[in-house]
């Protein structure tokens, strides 16, 4: 028998009544939704030249009119600079991005997508979008409500995260 987030919350409340377990249900649902999304998208990348996270990194570069710097990508994507730098190094070695010196800041390279990177995104991303459309099609008329609620959630979380 599988425990629900509510069951687990009740168990913690019984074990430690002073512990604030209020985030558990929401965070549990977010993790479950993320897992379902990953389970839907990841098979599309089996045998592909890029992983889903690598395509996510290339998407902002695909139609950019100006080069990015890694720190801007990290901030936009909510990722660590170290993680972004590591992924960019892999993409550069495989010819999907190019990094050139930044004349305005010698510490930060300018990142652009290569024709090979653009072709890979153009091939893989439409398939990912189609899978996401199918996965989310059950929302129907609730789609706008869910978008608004998730937007409020992200805004609240960003406000708290920026304080730290």
C-alpha atoms as a PDB file:
ATOM      1  CA  UNK A   1       0.000   0.000   0.000  1.00  0.00           C
ATOM      2  CA  UNK A   2       1.408   3.366  -1.034  1.00  0.00           C
ATOM      3  CA  UNK A   3       1.318   6.252   1.400  1.00  0.00           C
ATOM      4  CA  UNK A   4      -0.047   9.580   0.225  1.00  0.00           C
ATOM      5  CA  UNK A   5       1.636  12.879   1.156  1.00  0.00           C
ATOM      6  CA  UNK A   6      -1.282  13.393   3.566  1.00  0.00           C
ATOM      7  CA  UNK A   7      -0.592  10.033   5.235  1.00  0.00           C
ATOM      8  CA  UNK A   8       3.089  10.814   5.609  1.00  0.00           C
ATOM      9  CA  UNK A   9       2.277  14.263   6.963  1.00  0.00           C
ATOM     10  CA  UNK A  10      -0.040  12.718   9.573  1.00  0.00           C
ATOM     11  CA  UNK A  11       2.674  10.238  10.587  1.00  0.00           C
ATOM     12  CA  UNK A  12       5.181  13.052  11.075  1.00  0.00           C
ATOM     13  CA  UNK A  13       2.624  15.088  13.038  1.00  0.00           C
ATOM     14  CA  UNK A  14       2.067  12.114  15.338  1.00  0.00           C
ATOM     15  CA  UNK A  15       5.798  11.512  15.735  1.00  0.00           C
ATOM     16  CA  UNK A  16       6.761  15.172  16.102  1.00  0.00           C
ATOM     17  CA  UNK A  17       3.712  17.397  16.671  1.00  0.00           C
ATOM     18  CA  UNK A  18       5.786  20.616  16.734  1.00  0.00           C
ATOM     19  CA  UNK A  19       7.144  20.034  13.220  1.00  0.00           C
ATOM     20  CA  UNK A  20       5.516  22.180  10.520  1.00  0.00           C
ATOM     21  CA  UNK A  21       4.619  19.617   7.874  1.00  0.00           C
ATOM     22  CA  UNK A  22       2.442  21.993   5.838  1.00  0.00           C
ATOM     23  CA  UNK A  23       4.754  22.033   2.768  1.00  0.00           C
ATOM     24  CA  UNK A  24       4.708  18.257   2.353  1.00  0.00           C
ATOM     25  CA  UNK A  25       1.491  17.940   0.354  1.00  0.00           C
ATOM     26  CA  UNK A  26       2.358  20.732  -2.085  1.00  0.00           C
ATOM     27  CA  UNK A  27       5.992  19.711  -2.492  1.00  0.00           C
ATOM     28  CA  UNK A  28       4.947  16.065  -2.872  1.00  0.00           C
ATOM     29  CA  UNK A  29       2.589  16.984  -5.708  1.00  0.00           C
ATOM     30  CA  UNK A  30       5.248  19.141  -7.389  1.00  0.00           C
ATOM     31  CA  UNK A  31       7.760  16.299  -7.224  1.00  0.00           C
ATOM     32  CA  UNK A  32       5.202  13.837  -8.575  1.00  0.00           C
ATOM     33  CA  UNK A  33       4.326  16.184 -11.468  1.00  0.00           C
ATOM     34  CA  UNK A  34       8.031  16.668 -12.225  1.00  0.00           C
ATOM     35  CA  UNK A  35       8.527  12.903 -12.215  1.00  0.00           C
ATOM     36  CA  UNK A  36       5.618  12.390 -14.617  1.00  0.00           C
ATOM     37  CA  UNK A  37       7.011  15.063 -16.935  1.00  0.00           C
ATOM     38  CA  UNK A  38      10.473  13.481 -16.871  1.00  0.00           C
ATOM     39  CA  UNK A  39       9.035  10.006 -17.485  1.00  0.00           C
ATOM     40  CA  UNK A  40       7.212  11.385 -20.533  1.00  0.00           C
ATOM     41  CA  UNK A  41      10.084  13.404 -22.000  1.00  0.00           C
ATOM     42  CA  UNK A  42      13.179  11.321 -21.241  1.00  0.00           C
ATOM     43  CA  UNK A  43      12.337   8.415 -23.613  1.00  0.00           C
ATOM     44  CA  UNK A  44      12.268  10.897 -26.508  1.00  0.00           C
ATOM     45  CA  UNK A  45      15.979  11.456 -25.958  1.00  0.00           C
ATOM     46  CA  UNK A  46      17.015   7.791 -25.966  1.00  0.00           C
ATOM     47  CA  UNK A  47      19.745   7.573 -28.599  1.00  0.00           C
ATOM     48  CA  UNK A  48      19.506  11.303 -29.335  1.00  0.00           C
ATOM     49  CA  UNK A  49      22.659  13.402 -29.597  1.00  0.00           C
ATOM     50  CA  UNK A  50      21.501  15.611 -26.702  1.00  0.00           C
ATOM     51  CA  UNK A  51      19.793  15.105 -23.355  1.00  0.00           C
ATOM     52  CA  UNK A  52      16.619  16.936 -22.353  1.00  0.00           C
ATOM     53  CA  UNK A  53      18.551  19.242 -19.961  1.00  0.00           C
ATOM     54  CA  UNK A  54      21.034  20.050 -22.737  1.00  0.00           C
ATOM     55  CA  UNK A  55      18.195  20.982 -25.096  1.00  0.00           C
ATOM     56  CA  UNK A  56      16.740  23.136 -22.313  1.00  0.00           C
ATOM     57  CA  UNK A  57      20.107  24.917 -22.143  1.00  0.00           C
ATOM     58  CA  UNK A  58      20.173  25.464 -25.912  1.00  0.00           C
ATOM     59  CA  UNK A  59      16.603  26.751 -26.244  1.00  0.00           C
ATOM     60  CA  UNK A  60      17.332  30.288 -24.988  1.00  0.00           C
ATOM     61  CA  UNK A  61      20.283  30.444 -27.384  1.00  0.00           C
ATOM     62  CA  UNK A  62      18.321  29.150 -30.390  1.00  0.00           C
ATOM     63  CA  UNK A  63      16.606  32.397 -31.353  1.00  0.00           C
ATOM     64  CA  UNK A  64      18.749  34.845 -29.380  1.00  0.00           C
ATOM     65  CA  UNK A  65      19.880  37.886 -31.322  1.00  0.00           C
ATOM     66  CA  UNK A  66      22.822  38.464 -28.981  1.00  0.00           C
ATOM     67  CA  UNK A  67      25.234  36.061 -27.283  1.00  0.00           C
ATOM     68  CA  UNK A  68      24.605  35.065 -23.673  1.00  0.00           C
ATOM     69  CA  UNK A  69      27.010  34.774 -20.796  1.00  0.00           C
ATOM     70  CA  UNK A  70      26.814  31.683 -18.586  1.00  0.00           C
ATOM     71  CA  UNK A  71      25.720  33.617 -15.508  1.00  0.00           C
ATOM     72  CA  UNK A  72      22.718  35.031 -17.406  1.00  0.00           C
ATOM     73  CA  UNK A  73      21.708  31.531 -18.538  1.00  0.00           C
ATOM     74  CA  UNK A  74      22.058  30.263 -14.963  1.00  0.00           C
ATOM     75  CA  UNK A  75      19.895  33.055 -13.581  1.00  0.00           C
ATOM     76  CA  UNK A  76      17.200  32.653 -16.274  1.00  0.00           C
ATOM     77  CA  UNK A  77      17.036  28.905 -15.820  1.00  0.00           C
ATOM     78  CA  UNK A  78      17.291  28.889 -12.029  1.00  0.00           C
ATOM     79  CA  UNK A  79      20.432  26.748 -12.137  1.00  0.00           C
ATOM     80  CA  UNK A  80      23.816  27.008 -10.477  1.00  0.00           C
ATOM     81  CA  UNK A  81      26.570  28.752 -12.404  1.00  0.00           C
ATOM     82  CA  UNK A  82      28.796  25.708 -11.894  1.00  0.00           C
ATOM     83  CA  UNK A  83      26.192  23.365 -13.389  1.00  0.00           C
ATOM     84  CA  UNK A  84      25.615  25.648 -16.361  1.00  0.00           C
ATOM     85  CA  UNK A  85      29.349  26.016 -16.942  1.00  0.00           C
ATOM     86  CA  UNK A  86      29.815  22.239 -16.875  1.00  0.00           C
ATOM     87  CA  UNK A  87      26.953  21.668 -19.347  1.00  0.00           C
ATOM     88  CA  UNK A  88      28.218  24.432 -21.644  1.00  0.00           C
ATOM     89  CA  UNK A  89      31.694  22.857 -21.650  1.00  0.00           C
ATOM     90  CA  UNK A  90      30.173  19.528 -22.758  1.00  0.00           C
ATOM     91  CA  UNK A  91      28.100  21.241 -25.454  1.00  0.00           C
ATOM     92  CA  UNK A  92      31.141  23.149 -26.696  1.00  0.00           C
ATOM     93  CA  UNK A  93      33.280  19.986 -26.916  1.00  0.00           C
ATOM     94  CA  UNK A  94      30.570  18.365 -29.037  1.00  0.00           C
ATOM     95  CA  UNK A  95      30.182  21.403 -31.314  1.00  0.00           C
ATOM     96  CA  UNK A  96      26.707  22.577 -30.238  1.00  0.00           C
ATOM     97  CA  UNK A  97      27.808  25.956 -28.866  1.00  0.00           C
ATOM     98  CA  UNK A  98      30.736  28.313 -29.338  1.00  0.00           C
ATOM     99  CA  UNK A  99      32.310  30.481 -26.671  1.00  0.00           C
ATOM    100  CA  UNK A 100      34.245  33.597 -27.556  1.00  0.00           C
ATOM    101  CA  UNK A 101      36.001  36.145 -25.359  1.00  0.00           C
ATOM    102  CA  UNK A 102      33.769  38.893 -24.035  1.00  0.00           C
ATOM    103  CA  UNK A 103      35.372  42.275 -24.801  1.00  0.00           C
ATOM    104  CA  UNK A 104      33.373  43.901 -21.986  1.00  0.00           C
ATOM    105  CA  UNK A 105      34.349  41.336 -19.315  1.00  0.00           C
ATOM    106  CA  UNK A 106      37.353  39.071 -19.780  1.00  0.00           C
ATOM    107  CA  UNK A 107      36.081  36.748 -17.024  1.00  0.00           C
ATOM    108  CA  UNK A 108      32.873  35.870 -18.919  1.00  0.00           C
ATOM    109  CA  UNK A 109      32.752  34.264 -22.355  1.00  0.00           C
ATOM    110  CA  UNK A 110      30.038  35.008 -24.895  1.00  0.00           C
ATOM    111  CA  UNK A 111      27.982  31.893 -25.694  1.00  0.00           C
ATOM    112  CA  UNK A 112      26.271  31.315 -29.044  1.00  0.00           C
ATOM    113  CA  UNK A 113      24.603  28.292 -30.568  1.00  0.00           C
ATOM    114  CA  UNK A 114      26.274  26.693 -33.593  1.00  0.00           C
ATOM    115  CA  UNK A 115      24.437  25.504 -36.710  1.00  0.00           C
ATOM    116  CA  UNK A 116      24.739  21.926 -35.373  1.00  0.00           C
ATOM    117  CA  UNK A 117      23.187  23.004 -32.072  1.00  0.00           C
ATOM    118  CA  UNK A 118      20.348  24.818 -33.834  1.00  0.00           C
ATOM    119  CA  UNK A 119      19.651  21.779 -36.029  1.00  0.00           C
ATOM    120  CA  UNK A 120      19.577  19.471 -33.001  1.00  0.00           C
ATOM    121  CA  UNK A 121      17.144  21.752 -31.137  1.00  0.00           C
ATOM    122  CA  UNK A 122      14.980  22.094 -34.251  1.00  0.00           C
ATOM    123  CA  UNK A 123      14.803  18.302 -34.479  1.00  0.00           C
ATOM    124  CA  UNK A 124      14.308  17.398 -30.810  1.00  0.00           C
ATOM    125  CA  UNK A 125      12.303  20.228 -29.277  1.00  0.00           C
ATOM    126  CA  UNK A 126       9.150  19.838 -31.418  1.00  0.00           C
ATOM    127  CA  UNK A 127       8.943  16.186 -30.344  1.00  0.00           C
ATOM    128  CA  UNK A 128       9.267  17.219 -26.707  1.00  0.00           C
ATOM    129  CA  UNK A 129       6.547  19.834 -27.117  1.00  0.00           C
ATOM    130  CA  UNK A 130       4.209  17.297 -28.716  1.00  0.00           C
ATOM    131  CA  UNK A 131       4.701  14.935 -25.766  1.00  0.00           C
ATOM    132  CA  UNK A 132       4.067  17.781 -23.315  1.00  0.00           C
ATOM    133  CA  UNK A 133       0.899  18.825 -25.189  1.00  0.00           C
ATOM    134  CA  UNK A 134      -0.380  15.268 -24.898  1.00  0.00           C
ATOM    135  CA  UNK A 135       0.579  14.970 -21.220  1.00  0.00           C
ATOM    136  CA  UNK A 136      -1.163  18.226 -20.288  1.00  0.00           C
ATOM    137  CA  UNK A 137      -4.204  17.820 -22.542  1.00  0.00           C
ATOM    138  CA  UNK A 138      -6.276  16.533 -19.637  1.00  0.00           C
ATOM    139  CA  UNK A 139      -6.290  19.987 -18.036  1.00  0.00           C
ATOM    140  CA  UNK A 140      -8.904  21.252 -20.472  1.00  0.00           C
ATOM    141  CA  UNK A 141     -10.584  24.411 -19.195  1.00  0.00           C
ATOM    142  CA  UNK A 142      -8.491  24.344 -16.000  1.00  0.00           C
ATOM    143  CA  UNK A 143      -5.288  25.182 -17.905  1.00  0.00           C
ATOM    144  CA  UNK A 144      -5.459  28.937 -17.287  1.00  0.00           C
ATOM    145  CA  UNK A 145      -6.275  28.433 -13.611  1.00  0.00           C
ATOM    146  CA  UNK A 146      -3.295  26.081 -13.214  1.00  0.00           C
ATOM    147  CA  UNK A 147      -1.001  28.547 -15.011  1.00  0.00           C
ATOM    148  CA  UNK A 148      -2.116  31.363 -12.732  1.00  0.00           C
ATOM    149  CA  UNK A 149      -1.659  29.242  -9.608  1.00  0.00           C
ATOM    150  CA  UNK A 150       1.795  28.050 -10.682  1.00  0.00           C
ATOM    151  CA  UNK A 151       2.775  31.626 -11.551  1.00  0.00           C
ATOM    152  CA  UNK A 152       1.757  32.731  -8.059  1.00  0.00           C
ATOM    153  CA  UNK A 153       3.700  29.832  -6.552  1.00  0.00           C
ATOM    154  CA  UNK A 154       6.865  30.688  -8.491  1.00  0.00           C
ATOM    155  CA  UNK A 155       6.569  34.375  -7.615  1.00  0.00           C
ATOM    156  CA  UNK A 156       6.184  33.567  -3.907  1.00  0.00           C
ATOM    157  CA  UNK A 157       9.121  31.163  -4.003  1.00  0.00           C
ATOM    158  CA  UNK A 158      11.332  33.623  -5.895  1.00  0.00           C
ATOM    159  CA  UNK A 159      10.536  36.294  -3.335  1.00  0.00           C
ATOM    160  CA  UNK A 160      11.670  34.039  -0.522  1.00  0.00           C
ATOM    161  CA  UNK A 161      14.711  32.687  -2.368  1.00  0.00           C
ATOM    162  CA  UNK A 162      15.968  36.203  -3.199  1.00  0.00           C
ATOM    163  CA  UNK A 163      16.093  37.039   0.522  1.00  0.00           C
ATOM    164  CA  UNK A 164      18.656  34.323   1.194  1.00  0.00           C
END
